[in-house]
Amino acid sequence: MSRMVTAPGKAREYETIYILKPDVDAESAEKVGNRVSEAVDREKGRLTKVELWGRRRLAYDIAKHRRGVYVYLKYLGSGSTVSEVERNLRLADSVLKYQTVLVGNDIEMASHEVAAEDVKFERLELTPLEDERDDSREKQLGLVEGEKRERVQEHDFEADLEVPELGNPTEDEET
């Protein structure tokens, strides 16, 4: 397996998206953001963009959660930078999933300008999580108390299936 080696002074550009639990508090989210930022700095990488996308619906349930808080990171570094970022995300209890993608090779770190407000982790301010089980299986089946289930109109199905009896054949029919 061949490995790409970047030239001195150059780095690779990566994007990482991680999903936090929907009921995460601001302190926990900030702690995860600080750990990731420190991991990038420790590995001689550089954050170029941080975006908080907020609480969104997941494509499928993850650990019984229907929603998650999405955070997007873009940074410059090497493979060891990615390994350290993912290790820190794996150790955080509030992280449900994460994925890293290589965006570009041989990026000049010195010439890549970054605005200070682009790499600042915003304070997580979310509305309280309400119960989102509006069309639950229990409601569909009418098992939830307080709701009336439409009754199927009773019908005598046996009467529809009655077959005329074939009694004893008469004398005329015997011949």
Protein backbone atom coordinates (compact mmCIF):
# COMPACT_ATOMS: atom_id res chain seq x y z
CA MET A 1 0.00 0.00 0.00
CA SER A 2 1.52 3.30 -1.02
CA ARG A 3 1.26 6.31 1.24
CA MET A 4 1.24 9.88 0.08
CA VAL A 5 3.87 12.02 1.74
CA THR A 6 3.35 15.76 1.80
CA ALA A 7 6.22 18.15 1.18
CA PRO A 8 7.65 20.19 4.10
CA GLY A 9 5.54 23.28 4.84
CA LYS A 10 2.53 21.71 3.15
CA ALA A 11 -0.41 19.87 4.68
CA ARG A 12 -3.60 18.12 3.78
CA GLU A 13 -7.01 19.68 4.24
CA TYR A 14 -9.66 17.65 6.11
CA GLU A 15 -13.32 18.06 7.01
CA THR A 16 -14.81 16.38 10.06
CA ILE A 17 -18.46 16.37 10.99
CA TYR A 18 -19.43 15.07 14.39
CA ILE A 19 -22.87 14.58 15.91
CA LEU A 20 -23.57 15.25 19.56
CA LYS A 21 -26.48 13.82 21.56
CA PRO A 22 -29.59 16.01 21.15
CA ASP A 23 -29.90 16.69 24.89
CA VAL A 24 -26.27 17.81 25.31
CA ASP A 25 -25.70 20.84 27.50
CA ALA A 26 -23.55 23.82 26.50
CA GLU A 27 -20.68 22.89 28.83
CA SER A 28 -20.32 19.38 27.40
CA ALA A 29 -20.41 20.66 23.82
CA GLU A 30 -17.80 23.31 24.68
CA LYS A 31 -15.59 20.69 26.33
CA VAL A 32 -15.67 18.51 23.19
CA GLY A 33 -14.87 21.54 21.02
CA ASN A 34 -11.90 22.49 23.22
CA ARG A 35 -10.54 18.93 23.17
CA VAL A 36 -10.71 18.82 19.37
CA SER A 37 -9.10 22.25 19.05
CA GLU A 38 -6.28 21.27 21.41
CA ALA A 39 -5.75 18.01 19.52
CA VAL A 40 -5.31 19.90 16.23
CA ASP A 41 -2.85 22.32 17.85
CA ARG A 42 -0.89 19.52 19.53
CA GLU A 43 -0.36 17.76 16.20
CA LYS A 44 0.84 20.99 14.53
CA GLY A 45 -2.34 21.39 12.50
CA ARG A 46 -4.53 24.43 12.09
CA LEU A 47 -8.31 24.86 12.30
CA THR A 48 -9.65 26.84 9.34
CA LYS A 49 -13.41 26.73 9.90
CA VAL A 50 -15.85 25.74 12.66
CA GLU A 51 -19.61 25.78 12.15
CA LEU A 52 -22.39 24.78 14.50
CA TRP A 53 -25.24 23.45 12.37
CA GLY A 54 -27.62 22.94 15.29
CA ARG A 55 -30.05 20.16 16.09
CA ARG A 56 -31.19 18.21 13.05
CA ARG A 57 -33.07 15.02 12.29
CA LEU A 58 -30.87 11.98 11.78
CA ALA A 59 -31.22 9.79 8.70
CA TYR A 60 -31.65 6.80 11.02
CA ASP A 61 -31.83 6.30 14.78
CA ILE A 62 -28.44 6.24 16.52
CA ALA A 63 -28.43 4.87 20.06
CA LYS A 64 -32.21 5.45 20.23
CA HIS A 65 -31.83 9.15 19.28
CA ARG A 66 -33.83 10.60 16.39
CA ARG A 67 -32.00 13.94 16.36
CA GLY A 68 -28.47 15.13 16.90
CA VAL A 69 -26.46 18.35 17.15
CA TYR A 70 -24.16 18.67 14.13
CA VAL A 71 -20.75 20.37 14.28
CA TYR A 72 -18.58 20.93 11.18
CA LEU A 73 -14.77 21.34 11.31
CA LYS A 74 -12.30 22.11 8.56
CA TYR A 75 -8.59 21.94 9.34
CA LEU A 76 -5.10 21.52 7.91
CA GLY A 77 -2.78 18.81 9.16
CA SER A 78 -1.42 15.33 8.61
CA GLY A 79 -2.75 11.83 9.16
CA SER A 80 -1.66 11.97 12.79
CA THR A 81 -3.83 15.08 13.25
CA VAL A 82 -6.87 13.17 12.02
CA SER A 83 -6.05 10.22 14.26
CA GLU A 84 -5.80 12.45 17.31
CA VAL A 85 -9.04 14.33 16.51
CA GLU A 86 -10.94 11.06 16.00
CA ARG A 87 -9.45 9.58 19.18
CA ASN A 88 -10.72 12.55 21.19
CA LEU A 89 -14.16 12.30 19.58
CA ARG A 90 -14.29 8.57 20.32
CA LEU A 91 -13.52 9.22 24.01
CA ALA A 92 -16.25 11.86 24.43
CA ASP A 93 -19.48 10.41 25.82
CA SER A 94 -21.68 13.05 24.21
CA VAL A 95 -20.54 12.24 20.64
CA LEU A 96 -22.80 9.86 18.72
CA LYS A 97 -20.97 9.68 15.37
CA TYR A 98 -18.18 11.38 13.44
CA GLN A 99 -16.72 11.21 9.96
CA THR A 100 -13.58 12.71 8.44
CA VAL A 101 -13.00 13.33 4.73
CA LEU A 102 -9.81 14.36 2.93
CA VAL A 103 -10.55 17.50 0.91
CA GLY A 104 -7.18 18.50 -0.55
CA ASN A 105 -3.47 17.65 -0.72
CA ASP A 106 -0.38 19.85 -0.68
CA ILE A 107 -1.94 22.96 0.84
CA GLU A 108 0.50 25.70 1.87
CA MET A 109 -0.02 26.19 5.61
CA ALA A 110 1.78 29.54 5.72
CA SER A 111 -0.22 31.10 2.89
CA HIS A 112 -3.60 29.84 4.11
CA GLU A 113 -5.27 32.76 5.92
CA VAL A 114 -7.88 32.11 8.58
CA ALA A 115 -10.22 34.64 10.17
CA ALA A 116 -10.41 34.43 13.96
CA GLU A 117 -14.22 34.33 14.00
CA ASP A 118 -14.23 31.34 11.61
CA VAL A 119 -12.43 29.08 14.10
CA LYS A 120 -14.27 30.12 17.25
CA PHE A 121 -16.55 27.50 18.77
CA GLU A 122 -19.95 29.13 19.32
CA ARG A 123 -21.80 28.63 22.57
CA LEU A 124 -24.45 25.97 22.09
CA GLU A 125 -27.90 27.47 22.71
CA LEU A 126 -30.65 24.98 21.92
CA THR A 127 -34.35 25.04 22.63
CA PRO A 128 -35.55 22.37 25.07
CA LEU A 129 -36.06 18.99 23.49
CA GLU A 130 -39.74 18.14 23.21
CA ASP A 131 -41.22 14.69 22.74
CA GLU A 132 -41.14 14.02 19.02
CA ARG A 133 -43.03 10.77 18.95
CA ASP A 134 -46.06 12.25 17.23
CA ASP A 135 -46.75 9.30 14.97
CA SER A 136 -45.58 6.55 17.26
CA ARG A 137 -46.62 2.98 16.77
CA GLU A 138 -48.63 3.15 20.00
CA LYS A 139 -50.73 6.04 18.68
CA GLN A 140 -51.27 4.33 15.35
CA LEU A 141 -52.59 1.25 17.14
CA GLY A 142 -54.68 3.31 19.55
CA LEU A 143 -52.85 2.05 22.63
CA VAL A 144 -52.11 5.51 24.02
CA GLU A 145 -54.55 6.58 26.73
CA GLY A 146 -56.64 9.67 26.17
CA GLU A 147 -57.08 9.09 22.49
CA LYS A 148 -60.02 7.31 20.99
CA ARG A 149 -59.51 4.78 18.32
CA GLU A 150 -61.93 4.68 15.47
CA ARG A 151 -63.92 1.51 15.71
CA VAL A 152 -64.42 -0.66 12.73
CA GLN A 153 -68.11 -1.00 12.03
CA GLU A 154 -69.18 -4.42 13.11
CA HIS A 155 -70.34 -6.59 10.31
CA ASP A 156 -71.63 -10.14 10.26
CA PHE A 157 -69.04 -11.73 8.04
CA GLU A 158 -70.38 -15.23 8.66
CA ALA A 159 -73.65 -14.28 6.99
CA ASP A 160 -71.74 -13.26 3.87
CA LEU A 161 -70.06 -16.64 3.78
CA GLU A 162 -73.20 -18.75 4.20
CA VAL A 163 -73.48 -21.48 1.66
CA PRO A 164 -76.85 -23.00 0.93
CA GLU A 165 -77.13 -26.43 2.47
CA LEU A 166 -77.20 -29.38 0.21
CA GLY A 167 -79.82 -31.52 1.82
CA ASN A 168 -80.90 -35.04 0.87
CA PRO A 169 -81.46 -35.41 -2.79
CA THR A 170 -85.04 -35.87 -3.79
CA GLU A 171 -86.28 -38.88 -5.72
CA ASP A 172 -86.35 -36.98 -9.00
CA GLU A 173 -82.74 -36.01 -8.63
CA GLU A 174 -81.63 -39.61 -7.98
CA THR A 175 -82.43 -40.82 -11.44
